[in-house]
Amino acid sequence: MSRLKNKYALITGGTSGIGLETARQFLAQGATVAITGRSESALAAARQELGDAVLAIQSDAGDTAGQRTLARKLAGLWPRLDVLFVNAGDVTHRSIEDWDESAWDQLMQTNLKGPFFLIQALLPLLANPSSVILCGSVSARIGLAQSSAYAASKAGLLSLARTLSGELIERGIRVNGLSPGPTETAALSKLGLPAAEQEALRERIRQLVPIGRLGTPWELAKAAVYLASDESTFVVGTELLVDGGVGNL
């Protein structure tokens, strides 16, 4: 398959779940792929799984200076960037009483501030045409308890998909949001809740899905392939919901 042949693609948070599967699908479709992650061991495991063709770069998505470093590193290795999939995220869920300023700032830096400044840093490298995909969440559309900070960060990211499209369209850069619904990934075990509360939240999440099951990373990755490919060149500034009906039914 060659839907992404000759395209250079960067995936942040590419060591597990949706990011890792998207890297696998991008490679299968002919792209040259780089992934980022905070953990050297997770990056090594991902590279072992994906093969030596993938470029694995240690980078903290919430570190603003680190985003500029990442952009400089890619500019030294690649002639251009055709696809950016901003996938790295902090999925912490907790009740409003349990948030403190430090945890709030960390989540917002990872989910919103870091991505904004990564796009800024990559602008000289982004090709004309190119595709930027921002991983949102159906949580931005619903009132799921304990998701307040997370959902707000994703709502901000999805707003960027619209506003940056308006700003960058003349450069040939398309920006779109890709919003997963509840998806069976390791992130569900990283919500930051006590075990009993976590399982109760998982059950509420399952009950939210009209289709009757959680999504899979493969299903999200296939949607990312579409947004990255030339098949979606008329898709600009919008949000693709891959959520089992959660956001609309």
Protein backbone atom coordinates (compact mmCIF):
# COMPACT_ATOMS: atom_id res chain seq x y z
CA MET A 1 0.00 0.00 0.00
CA SER A 2 1.25 3.49 -0.76
CA ARG A 3 -1.32 6.03 0.42
CA LEU A 4 1.47 7.91 2.22
CA LYS A 5 4.34 7.20 -0.18
CA ASN A 6 7.10 9.83 -0.08
CA LYS A 7 5.57 11.56 2.95
CA TYR A 8 7.55 12.44 6.07
CA ALA A 9 5.40 12.06 9.20
CA LEU A 10 5.97 12.92 12.86
CA ILE A 11 3.81 11.32 15.56
CA THR A 12 4.11 12.62 19.12
CA GLY A 13 3.39 10.11 21.85
CA GLY A 14 4.12 7.24 19.50
CA THR A 15 5.26 4.57 21.94
CA SER A 16 1.89 3.02 22.83
CA GLY A 17 -1.81 2.89 22.05
CA ILE A 18 -3.14 5.05 19.24
CA GLY A 19 0.23 6.65 18.51
CA LEU A 20 2.07 3.35 18.17
CA GLU A 21 -0.61 1.82 15.95
CA THR A 22 -0.69 4.97 13.81
CA ALA A 23 3.07 4.72 13.33
CA ARG A 24 2.60 1.11 12.23
CA GLN A 25 -0.09 2.07 9.73
CA PHE A 26 1.86 5.08 8.41
CA LEU A 27 4.89 2.85 7.79
CA ALA A 28 2.70 0.27 6.06
CA GLN A 29 1.39 2.99 3.78
CA GLY A 30 4.89 4.04 2.69
CA ALA A 31 5.62 7.02 4.96
CA THR A 32 8.95 7.88 6.55
CA VAL A 33 8.03 8.04 10.24
CA ALA A 34 9.40 9.60 13.42
CA ILE A 35 7.86 9.05 16.83
CA THR A 36 8.43 10.81 20.14
CA GLY A 37 8.07 9.73 23.74
CA ARG A 38 9.37 10.69 27.17
CA SER A 39 10.73 7.28 28.12
CA GLU A 40 13.88 5.93 26.51
CA SER A 41 12.87 2.37 27.35
CA ALA A 42 9.41 2.82 25.79
CA LEU A 43 11.01 4.33 22.68
CA ALA A 44 13.38 1.36 22.43
CA ALA A 45 10.47 -1.07 22.76
CA ALA A 46 8.49 0.78 20.10
CA ARG A 47 11.44 0.78 17.74
CA GLN A 48 11.92 -2.94 18.28
CA GLU A 49 8.26 -3.48 17.45
CA LEU A 50 8.13 -1.13 14.45
CA GLY A 51 11.57 -1.86 13.02
CA ASP A 52 14.69 0.14 12.31
CA ALA A 53 12.94 2.27 9.70
CA VAL A 54 11.27 4.37 12.39
CA LEU A 55 13.08 7.36 13.89
CA ALA A 56 12.58 7.42 17.67
CA ILE A 57 13.24 10.72 19.46
CA GLN A 58 13.03 11.35 23.20
CA SER A 59 10.89 14.44 23.80
CA ASP A 60 8.54 15.68 26.52
CA ALA A 61 5.40 17.04 24.87
CA GLY A 62 4.90 19.53 27.71
CA ASP A 63 8.38 21.07 27.47
CA THR A 64 8.13 24.20 25.33
CA ALA A 65 11.89 24.51 24.79
CA GLY A 66 11.96 20.81 23.98
CA GLN A 67 9.54 21.39 21.11
CA ARG A 68 12.02 23.76 19.50
CA THR A 69 14.80 21.21 20.02
CA LEU A 70 12.65 18.54 18.37
CA ALA A 71 11.96 20.81 15.39
CA ARG A 72 15.66 21.58 14.94
CA LYS A 73 16.55 17.90 15.11
CA LEU A 74 14.01 16.98 12.43
CA ALA A 75 15.11 19.90 10.23
CA GLY A 76 18.63 18.50 10.35
CA LEU A 77 17.46 15.05 9.24
CA TRP A 78 14.54 15.56 6.89
CA PRO A 79 13.98 17.83 3.86
CA ARG A 80 10.41 18.65 4.93
CA LEU A 81 7.50 17.52 7.09
CA ASP A 82 4.33 16.42 5.31
CA VAL A 83 2.32 15.10 8.27
CA LEU A 84 2.22 16.01 11.95
CA PHE A 85 0.05 13.95 14.27
CA VAL A 86 -0.10 15.57 17.71
CA ASN A 87 -1.07 12.57 19.79
CA ALA A 88 0.86 12.83 23.08
CA GLY A 89 -1.43 13.60 25.98
CA ASP A 90 -1.98 13.68 29.71
CA VAL A 91 -5.22 11.79 30.46
CA THR A 92 -5.49 12.58 34.18
CA HIS A 93 -9.08 12.55 35.44
CA ARG A 94 -10.06 13.64 38.94
CA SER A 95 -12.79 15.54 40.74
CA ILE A 96 -12.50 19.31 40.81
CA GLU A 97 -11.72 19.29 44.55
CA ASP A 98 -8.64 17.14 43.93
CA TRP A 99 -6.92 19.35 41.37
CA ASP A 100 -4.00 21.58 42.35
CA GLU A 101 -2.29 24.23 40.26
CA SER A 102 0.80 22.14 39.56
CA ALA A 103 -1.15 19.18 38.18
CA TRP A 104 -3.40 21.52 36.16
CA ASP A 105 -0.37 23.26 34.63
CA GLN A 106 1.28 19.96 33.77
CA LEU A 107 -1.82 18.70 31.97
CA MET A 108 -2.30 21.95 30.04
CA GLN A 109 1.37 22.12 29.09
CA THR A 110 1.24 18.60 27.65
CA ASN A 111 -2.17 18.78 25.98
CA LEU A 112 -2.35 22.37 24.76
CA LYS A 113 0.68 24.61 25.32
CA GLY A 114 3.27 22.10 24.07
CA PRO A 115 1.35 21.28 20.88
CA PHE A 116 0.85 24.97 20.09
CA PHE A 117 4.55 25.73 20.32
CA LEU A 118 5.50 22.54 18.50
CA ILE A 119 3.42 23.63 15.52
CA GLN A 120 5.02 27.07 15.72
CA ALA A 121 8.52 25.55 15.79
CA LEU A 122 7.77 23.22 12.86
CA LEU A 123 6.32 25.88 10.56
CA PRO A 124 9.54 26.33 8.52
CA LEU A 125 9.67 22.57 7.93
CA LEU A 126 6.00 21.96 7.12
CA ALA A 127 5.53 21.40 3.41
CA ASN A 128 3.04 22.97 1.03
CA PRO A 129 0.81 21.00 1.07
CA SER A 130 0.89 19.30 4.47
CA SER A 131 -1.50 17.91 7.06
CA VAL A 132 -1.54 18.61 10.79
CA ILE A 133 -3.76 16.29 12.86
CA LEU A 134 -4.58 17.23 16.43
CA CYS A 135 -5.80 14.41 18.65
CA GLY A 136 -8.81 15.75 20.50
CA SER A 137 -11.38 13.76 22.42
CA VAL A 138 -15.12 13.27 22.46
CA SER A 139 -14.81 14.34 26.11
CA ALA A 140 -14.75 17.93 24.83
CA ARG A 141 -18.38 17.45 23.72
CA ILE A 142 -19.91 15.69 26.72
CA GLY A 143 -20.17 16.21 30.48
CA LEU A 144 -18.27 13.21 31.79
CA ALA A 145 -17.64 13.54 35.52
CA GLN A 146 -13.99 13.98 36.58
CA SER A 147 -12.92 14.96 33.04
CA SER A 148 -13.08 18.74 33.55
CA ALA A 149 -9.42 19.71 33.06
CA TYR A 150 -8.76 17.02 30.44
CA ALA A 151 -11.86 17.93 28.44
CA ALA A 152 -11.04 21.64 28.61
CA SER A 153 -7.55 21.00 27.24
CA LYS A 154 -8.94 18.95 24.36
CA ALA A 155 -11.57 21.59 23.61
CA GLY A 156 -8.75 24.09 23.32
CA LEU A 157 -6.82 21.81 20.99
CA LEU A 158 -9.86 21.30 18.77
CA SER A 159 -10.34 25.06 18.64
CA LEU A 160 -6.78 25.32 17.33
CA ALA A 161 -7.73 22.96 14.50
CA ARG A 162 -10.15 25.63 13.30
CA THR A 163 -8.27 28.81 14.06
CA LEU A 164 -4.89 27.62 12.82
CA SER A 165 -6.52 26.33 9.65
CA GLY A 166 -7.75 29.84 8.98
CA GLU A 167 -4.28 31.22 9.64
CA LEU A 168 -2.19 28.63 7.81
CA ILE A 169 -4.35 27.63 4.85
CA GLU A 170 -2.55 30.01 2.49
CA ARG A 171 0.67 28.15 3.29
CA GLY A 172 -0.98 24.90 2.20
CA ILE A 173 -1.14 23.56 5.76
CA ARG A 174 -4.39 21.79 6.63
CA VAL A 175 -5.20 21.40 10.32
CA ASN A 176 -7.89 19.00 11.51
CA GLY A 177 -8.95 17.39 14.75
CA LEU A 178 -9.24 13.64 15.22
CA SER A 179 -11.35 12.88 18.28
CA PRO A 180 -11.39 9.36 19.71
CA GLY A 181 -14.18 8.08 21.82
CA PRO A 182 -13.48 5.57 24.59
CA THR A 183 -10.64 3.45 23.23
CA GLU A 184 -9.05 0.32 24.66
CA THR A 185 -5.52 1.52 25.37
CA ALA A 186 -3.12 1.59 28.30
CA ALA A 187 -4.19 5.21 28.89
CA LEU A 188 -7.30 3.93 30.66
CA SER A 189 -5.05 2.69 33.45
CA LYS A 190 -3.31 6.08 33.74
CA LEU A 191 -6.24 8.25 34.75
CA GLY A 192 -4.74 9.08 38.12
CA LEU A 193 -7.65 7.67 40.13
CA PRO A 194 -7.76 5.13 42.96
CA ALA A 195 -8.48 1.62 41.68
CA ALA A 196 -12.13 1.52 42.75
CA GLU A 197 -12.88 4.94 41.26
CA GLN A 198 -11.01 4.04 38.09
CA GLU A 199 -13.06 0.91 37.51
CA ALA A 200 -16.30 2.78 38.26
CA LEU A 201 -15.31 5.43 35.70
CA ARG A 202 -14.41 2.74 33.13
CA GLU A 203 -17.86 1.23 33.54
CA ARG A 204 -19.54 4.63 33.08
CA ILE A 205 -17.43 5.15 29.98
CA ARG A 206 -18.46 1.77 28.54
CA GLN A 207 -22.10 2.63 29.09
CA LEU A 208 -21.67 5.87 27.16
CA VAL A 209 -20.90 4.14 23.86
CA PRO A 210 -24.02 3.58 21.72
CA ILE A 211 -22.26 1.02 19.55
CA GLY A 212 -21.78 -1.11 22.66
CA ARG A 213 -17.99 -1.44 22.87
CA LEU A 214 -14.76 0.50 23.17
CA GLY A 215 -12.86 1.50 20.07
CA THR A 216 -9.49 0.08 19.07
CA PRO A 217 -6.21 1.84 18.26
CA TRP A 218 -6.41 0.28 14.77
CA GLU A 219 -9.68 2.10 14.06
CA LEU A 220 -8.22 5.43 15.13
CA ALA A 221 -5.01 4.83 13.19
CA LYS A 222 -6.95 4.19 10.00
CA ALA A 223 -8.72 7.52 10.45
CA ALA A 224 -5.34 9.21 10.92
CA VAL A 225 -4.10 7.64 7.68
CA TYR A 226 -7.06 9.19 5.88
CA LEU A 227 -6.41 12.67 7.30
CA ALA A 228 -2.70 12.36 6.51
CA SER A 229 -3.26 11.22 2.93
CA ASP A 230 -4.10 13.13 -0.23
CA GLU A 231 -7.59 11.60 -0.04
CA SER A 232 -8.49 14.28 2.51
CA THR A 233 -7.16 17.36 0.72
CA PHE A 234 -10.62 19.01 0.84
CA VAL A 235 -10.95 18.40 4.60
CA VAL A 236 -9.86 21.51 6.49
CA GLY A 237 -10.46 22.91 9.98
CA THR A 238 -12.88 20.23 11.07
CA GLU A 239 -13.15 17.42 13.60
CA LEU A 240 -13.40 13.75 12.67
CA LEU A 241 -15.18 11.87 15.46
CA VAL A 242 -14.24 8.20 15.76
CA ASP A 243 -16.23 7.56 18.90
CA GLY A 244 -18.83 4.83 18.48
CA GLY A 245 -21.58 7.47 18.47
CA VAL A 246 -20.80 9.00 21.87
CA GLY A 247 -20.73 12.59 20.67
CA ASN A 248 -23.85 12.55 18.51
CA LEU A 249 -26.29 9.84 19.63
